[in-house]
């Protein structure tokens, strides 16, 4: 059995992207070369590693075992590079960071831009996902750091408080709900909403809790950013649920007012989570500390 680091990283990329084609692209190699490497690994082991169908690929039992060991080997190599980077020049570190909608829109852009300017040798792969998907990705080693809402199961992960991040209702300044100091989501089911596009982590979070309460929210329009949602609400198109930080930031320009939500799921904190800071490369720990101490 003769696997190299390129084989292991390719196999991990294929699993994370779901297809050999996308895995090859992420690994910066041709499809033919990637397919030949996978074939070589399977022939070397004498067992199939992937189940192939029209939708993509899934690992076999042997493939899942290989994924476990590939992550361990590659993480160890990352730790070694990170430690050696303290003694050399020009060696780059790459951090995989997953976050929810609120963290991406309200907090991380300024923090990460400052970090990247101060650390030109480090690059970041940033992706927005649902909080529970982020927790699973951290556990399985797909990502290094996650920013999640505190409502998800974080058992087995190291966690640190990042920011308070309650969700609030926003309405136009002349809306009849401005007379209310607080309101629950179930009371709002008859109103027309403005929301984020499908696939947004925050939008999925709101829809999940609406379904749990037996309500279905009606949307007049879905937009790509919280700023755009706030402006549309200010024009009187509908109401919306957004992070309080975004509502406060956009209040004057968009012409909106925010109202407290009484639902327990709306009162939340954002947490930074990771497997164990002691096991991560030094540059990942460096970024974690930068995020947690940023004002």
Protein backbone atom coordinates (compact mmCIF):
# COMPACT_ATOMS: atom_id res chain seq x y z
CA UNK A 1 0.00 0.00 0.00
CA UNK A 2 1.64 3.22 -1.18
CA UNK A 3 -0.42 6.38 -0.66
CA UNK A 4 1.02 9.88 -0.70
CA UNK A 5 -0.36 13.08 0.81
CA UNK A 6 -1.82 14.12 -2.54
CA UNK A 7 -3.84 10.89 -2.63
CA UNK A 8 -5.16 11.45 0.86
CA UNK A 9 -6.07 15.09 0.28
CA UNK A 10 -7.75 14.22 -3.02
CA UNK A 11 -9.84 11.50 -1.38
CA UNK A 12 -10.88 13.89 1.40
CA UNK A 13 -11.81 16.57 -1.18
CA UNK A 14 -13.87 14.06 -3.17
CA UNK A 15 -15.80 13.12 -0.04
CA UNK A 16 -16.41 16.74 1.00
CA UNK A 17 -17.57 17.87 -2.47
CA UNK A 18 -19.55 14.72 -3.29
CA UNK A 19 -18.09 14.05 -6.75
CA UNK A 20 -14.76 13.08 -8.26
CA UNK A 21 -15.02 16.03 -10.66
CA UNK A 22 -15.39 18.63 -7.90
CA UNK A 23 -12.82 16.88 -5.75
CA UNK A 24 -10.36 17.06 -8.64
CA UNK A 25 -11.08 20.78 -9.11
CA UNK A 26 -10.52 21.50 -5.41
CA UNK A 27 -7.28 19.49 -5.59
CA UNK A 28 -6.15 21.44 -8.68
CA UNK A 29 -5.82 18.39 -10.92
CA UNK A 30 -7.58 17.04 -13.99
CA UNK A 31 -10.50 14.64 -13.74
CA UNK A 32 -8.48 11.96 -15.52
CA UNK A 33 -5.60 12.29 -13.08
CA UNK A 34 -7.94 12.22 -10.07
CA UNK A 35 -9.78 9.14 -11.37
CA UNK A 36 -6.48 7.36 -11.97
CA UNK A 37 -5.32 8.11 -8.42
CA UNK A 38 -8.56 6.77 -6.92
CA UNK A 39 -8.30 3.66 -9.10
CA UNK A 40 -4.70 3.20 -7.95
CA UNK A 41 -5.71 3.44 -4.28
CA UNK A 42 -8.48 0.88 -4.77
CA UNK A 43 -6.17 -1.51 -6.63
CA UNK A 44 -3.51 -1.13 -3.95
CA UNK A 45 -5.98 -2.03 -1.21
CA UNK A 46 -7.88 -4.60 -3.24
CA UNK A 47 -11.22 -3.10 -2.21
CA UNK A 48 -13.60 -0.42 -3.49
CA UNK A 49 -13.40 2.91 -1.68
CA UNK A 50 -16.29 4.73 -3.40
CA UNK A 51 -19.82 3.88 -4.45
CA UNK A 52 -20.51 5.72 -7.71
CA UNK A 53 -23.96 6.70 -8.99
CA UNK A 54 -25.56 9.48 -11.04
CA UNK A 55 -25.73 11.84 -8.06
CA UNK A 56 -22.05 11.52 -7.16
CA UNK A 57 -20.05 9.26 -4.88
CA UNK A 58 -20.35 7.88 -1.36
CA UNK A 59 -17.58 6.18 0.63
CA UNK A 60 -17.75 2.45 1.26
CA UNK A 61 -16.93 1.04 4.69
CA UNK A 62 -13.29 0.89 3.62
CA UNK A 63 -13.58 4.43 2.27
CA UNK A 64 -14.87 5.71 5.61
CA UNK A 65 -11.95 4.07 7.38
CA UNK A 66 -9.57 5.72 4.91
CA UNK A 67 -11.24 9.11 5.50
CA UNK A 68 -10.67 8.79 9.24
CA UNK A 69 -6.98 8.08 8.80
CA UNK A 70 -6.58 10.65 6.00
CA UNK A 71 -7.92 13.41 8.25
CA UNK A 72 -5.59 12.36 11.06
CA UNK A 73 -2.54 12.30 8.80
CA UNK A 74 -3.33 15.62 7.11
CA UNK A 75 -4.12 17.33 10.42
CA UNK A 76 -0.81 16.10 11.80
CA UNK A 77 0.97 17.46 8.73
CA UNK A 78 -0.80 20.82 9.19
CA UNK A 79 0.30 20.91 12.83
CA UNK A 80 3.87 20.13 11.81
CA UNK A 81 3.88 22.87 9.16
CA UNK A 82 2.38 25.33 11.63
CA UNK A 83 5.05 24.62 14.23
CA UNK A 84 7.88 24.76 11.68
CA UNK A 85 6.49 28.02 10.33
CA UNK A 86 7.79 29.64 13.50
CA UNK A 87 11.33 28.92 12.27
CA UNK A 88 11.02 29.58 8.56
CA UNK A 89 9.68 32.10 6.07
CA UNK A 90 7.09 31.96 3.35
CA UNK A 91 5.25 28.83 4.53
CA UNK A 92 1.50 29.42 4.28
CA UNK A 93 -1.20 28.24 6.66
CA UNK A 94 -4.79 27.58 5.53
CA UNK A 95 -7.71 27.78 7.98
CA UNK A 96 -11.15 26.32 7.25
CA UNK A 97 -13.80 28.45 9.00
CA UNK A 98 -17.55 27.78 8.99
CA UNK A 99 -20.07 30.27 10.39
CA UNK A 100 -23.78 31.03 10.52
CA UNK A 101 -25.48 33.96 8.79
CA UNK A 102 -25.25 36.40 11.71
CA UNK A 103 -21.53 35.88 12.21
CA UNK A 104 -20.87 36.26 8.49
CA UNK A 105 -22.92 39.42 8.02
CA UNK A 106 -22.35 41.30 11.26
CA UNK A 107 -19.05 40.38 12.88
CA UNK A 108 -16.49 38.42 10.87
CA UNK A 109 -15.80 40.66 7.83
CA UNK A 110 -13.98 43.35 9.83
CA UNK A 111 -12.28 40.84 12.14
CA UNK A 112 -11.02 38.62 9.34
CA UNK A 113 -9.86 41.50 7.17
CA UNK A 114 -7.74 42.79 10.07
CA UNK A 115 -6.38 39.30 10.68
CA UNK A 116 -5.47 38.72 7.03
CA UNK A 117 -3.71 42.08 6.77
CA UNK A 118 -1.67 41.33 9.88
CA UNK A 119 -0.95 37.72 8.82
CA UNK A 120 -0.17 37.69 5.08
CA UNK A 121 1.10 34.09 5.28
CA UNK A 122 -2.34 32.72 6.26
CA UNK A 123 -5.36 32.18 4.02
CA UNK A 124 -8.96 31.41 5.02
CA UNK A 125 -11.66 29.23 3.45
CA UNK A 126 -14.90 30.81 4.78
CA UNK A 127 -18.34 29.24 4.27
CA UNK A 128 -21.82 29.90 5.66
CA UNK A 129 -23.74 26.89 7.02
CA UNK A 130 -26.45 26.01 9.54
CA UNK A 131 -25.13 25.83 13.10
CA UNK A 132 -25.86 22.11 13.55
CA UNK A 133 -24.10 21.33 10.26
CA UNK A 134 -21.10 23.33 11.45
CA UNK A 135 -20.89 21.36 14.70
CA UNK A 136 -20.91 18.08 12.77
CA UNK A 137 -18.25 19.38 10.37
CA UNK A 138 -15.97 20.35 13.26
CA UNK A 139 -16.38 16.92 14.88
CA UNK A 140 -15.49 15.10 11.67
CA UNK A 141 -12.51 17.35 10.90
CA UNK A 142 -13.96 18.93 7.74
CA UNK A 143 -13.35 22.39 9.22
CA UNK A 144 -11.00 23.86 11.84
CA UNK A 145 -13.14 26.56 13.51
CA UNK A 146 -16.89 27.13 13.66
CA UNK A 147 -19.05 30.06 14.77
CA UNK A 148 -22.48 28.75 15.82
CA UNK A 149 -25.59 29.63 17.79
CA UNK A 150 -25.62 28.21 21.31
CA UNK A 151 -28.83 26.27 20.64
CA UNK A 152 -27.05 23.36 18.92
CA UNK A 153 -25.52 20.26 20.48
CA UNK A 154 -21.82 20.99 21.02
CA UNK A 155 -21.00 17.93 23.10
CA UNK A 156 -17.38 16.88 22.70
CA UNK A 157 -16.26 20.24 21.31
CA UNK A 158 -14.24 23.01 22.91
CA UNK A 159 -16.34 26.19 23.00
CA UNK A 160 -15.74 29.88 23.70
CA UNK A 161 -18.28 32.73 23.88
CA UNK A 162 -17.93 34.96 20.81
CA UNK A 163 -20.82 37.48 20.86
CA UNK A 164 -24.38 37.86 22.21
CA UNK A 165 -26.66 37.64 19.17
CA UNK A 166 -30.41 37.82 19.91
CA UNK A 167 -32.86 37.75 17.02
CA UNK A 168 -35.50 40.48 16.81
CA UNK A 169 -38.49 41.41 14.70
CA UNK A 170 -38.08 44.45 12.46
CA UNK A 171 -40.94 46.56 11.10
CA UNK A 172 -41.34 49.87 9.30
CA UNK A 173 -41.51 52.87 11.63
CA UNK A 174 -45.20 53.44 10.88
CA UNK A 175 -46.21 49.77 11.25
CA UNK A 176 -48.94 49.00 13.80
CA UNK A 177 -46.65 46.54 15.60
CA UNK A 178 -44.39 49.40 16.71
CA UNK A 179 -46.76 49.78 19.67
CA UNK A 180 -45.63 46.38 20.95
CA UNK A 181 -42.58 45.98 23.20
CA UNK A 182 -42.30 42.27 22.49
CA UNK A 183 -43.99 39.60 20.39
CA UNK A 184 -43.76 35.85 19.71
CA UNK A 185 -43.31 34.27 16.30
CA UNK A 186 -46.64 32.44 16.50
CA UNK A 187 -48.42 35.82 16.72
CA UNK A 188 -46.86 36.86 13.42
CA UNK A 189 -47.97 33.97 11.21
CA UNK A 190 -50.64 36.08 9.50
CA UNK A 191 -48.21 38.84 8.45
CA UNK A 192 -46.27 39.02 5.20
CA UNK A 193 -42.54 38.55 5.64
CA UNK A 194 -39.37 39.64 3.92
CA UNK A 195 -36.68 36.97 4.17
CA UNK A 196 -33.28 35.79 3.07
CA UNK A 197 -32.87 33.49 0.09
CA UNK A 198 -33.38 29.75 0.56
CA UNK A 199 -30.24 28.07 1.76
CA UNK A 200 -29.38 30.92 4.13
CA UNK A 201 -28.47 29.48 7.54
CA UNK A 202 -30.51 32.14 9.36
CA UNK A 203 -33.54 31.64 7.10
CA UNK A 204 -33.45 27.88 7.66
CA UNK A 205 -33.18 28.49 11.42
CA UNK A 206 -36.30 30.70 11.45
CA UNK A 207 -38.27 28.31 9.22
CA UNK A 208 -37.36 25.38 11.48
CA UNK A 209 -38.78 27.07 14.57
CA UNK A 210 -41.87 28.26 12.71
CA UNK A 211 -42.58 24.64 11.70
CA UNK A 212 -42.04 23.44 15.27
CA UNK A 213 -44.72 25.88 16.43
CA UNK A 214 -47.10 24.62 13.74
CA UNK A 215 -46.96 27.84 11.73
CA UNK A 216 -45.96 28.57 8.16
CA UNK A 217 -44.63 32.02 7.32
CA UNK A 218 -45.54 33.70 4.05
CA UNK A 219 -42.82 35.58 2.18
CA UNK A 220 -43.34 38.34 -0.36
CA UNK A 221 -39.69 38.47 -1.35
CA UNK A 222 -36.38 36.84 -0.46
CA UNK A 223 -33.11 38.73 -0.66
CA UNK A 224 -29.42 37.91 -0.37
CA UNK A 225 -28.35 40.19 2.49
CA UNK A 226 -29.63 41.41 5.84
CA UNK A 227 -29.07 45.01 4.71
CA UNK A 228 -31.39 44.47 1.74
CA UNK A 229 -34.00 42.83 3.99
CA UNK A 230 -33.91 45.84 6.34
CA UNK A 231 -34.33 48.33 3.47
CA UNK A 232 -37.29 46.39 2.06
CA UNK A 233 -38.96 46.24 5.48
CA UNK A 234 -38.44 49.98 5.88
CA UNK A 235 -40.34 50.52 2.63
CA UNK A 236 -43.34 48.71 4.12
CA UNK A 237 -43.14 45.53 2.05
CA UNK A 238 -43.32 43.22 5.07
CA UNK A 239 -41.77 42.33 8.41
CA UNK A 240 -38.65 40.26 9.11
CA UNK A 241 -36.60 38.46 11.75
CA UNK A 242 -32.93 39.46 11.80
CA UNK A 243 -30.03 39.64 14.29
CA UNK A 244 -30.37 42.63 16.62
CA UNK A 245 -26.91 43.87 15.62
CA UNK A 246 -28.03 44.17 12.01
CA UNK A 247 -31.30 45.84 12.99
CA UNK A 248 -29.51 48.45 15.09
CA UNK A 249 -26.92 49.11 12.40
CA UNK A 250 -29.55 49.58 9.67
CA UNK A 251 -32.25 51.30 11.76
CA UNK A 252 -31.68 54.93 10.72
CA UNK A 253 -30.83 54.38 7.06
CA UNK A 254 -33.54 51.78 6.41
CA UNK A 255 -36.27 53.43 8.51
CA UNK A 256 -37.01 50.43 10.71
CA UNK A 257 -37.71 49.68 14.36
CA UNK A 258 -36.85 46.44 16.13
CA UNK A 259 -39.08 44.61 18.60
CA UNK A 260 -37.99 41.89 21.03
CA UNK A 261 -39.01 38.29 20.31
CA UNK A 262 -40.19 36.34 23.36
CA UNK A 263 -39.31 32.94 21.88
CA UNK A 264 -36.50 31.24 23.78
CA UNK A 265 -34.67 30.29 20.57
CA UNK A 266 -34.39 33.99 19.65
CA UNK A 267 -32.33 34.75 22.78
CA UNK A 268 -28.98 33.31 21.84
CA UNK A 269 -25.21 33.69 21.93
CA UNK A 270 -22.71 32.97 19.22
CA UNK A 271 -20.02 30.51 20.23
CA UNK A 272 -16.68 29.68 18.66
CA UNK A 273 -16.22 25.91 18.58
CA UNK A 274 -13.37 23.58 17.63
CA UNK A 275 -12.20 20.06 18.40
CA UNK A 276 -9.35 20.96 20.77
CA UNK A 277 -7.11 23.98 20.53
CA UNK A 278 -4.18 21.88 21.77
CA UNK A 279 -4.44 19.61 18.71
CA UNK A 280 -4.65 22.34 16.06
CA UNK A 281 -1.80 23.93 14.08
CA UNK A 282 -0.31 27.02 15.67
CA UNK A 283 -1.73 29.34 12.98
CA UNK A 284 -5.29 28.05 13.66
CA UNK A 285 -4.85 28.76 17.37
CA UNK A 286 -3.48 32.18 16.44
CA UNK A 287 -6.62 32.97 14.43
CA UNK A 288 -8.90 31.63 17.16
CA UNK A 289 -7.30 33.93 19.72
CA UNK A 290 -7.53 36.89 17.33
CA UNK A 291 -11.27 36.32 16.77
CA UNK A 292 -12.00 35.95 20.49
CA UNK A 293 -10.11 39.07 21.53
CA UNK A 294 -11.33 41.33 18.68
CA UNK A 295 -13.47 44.26 19.81
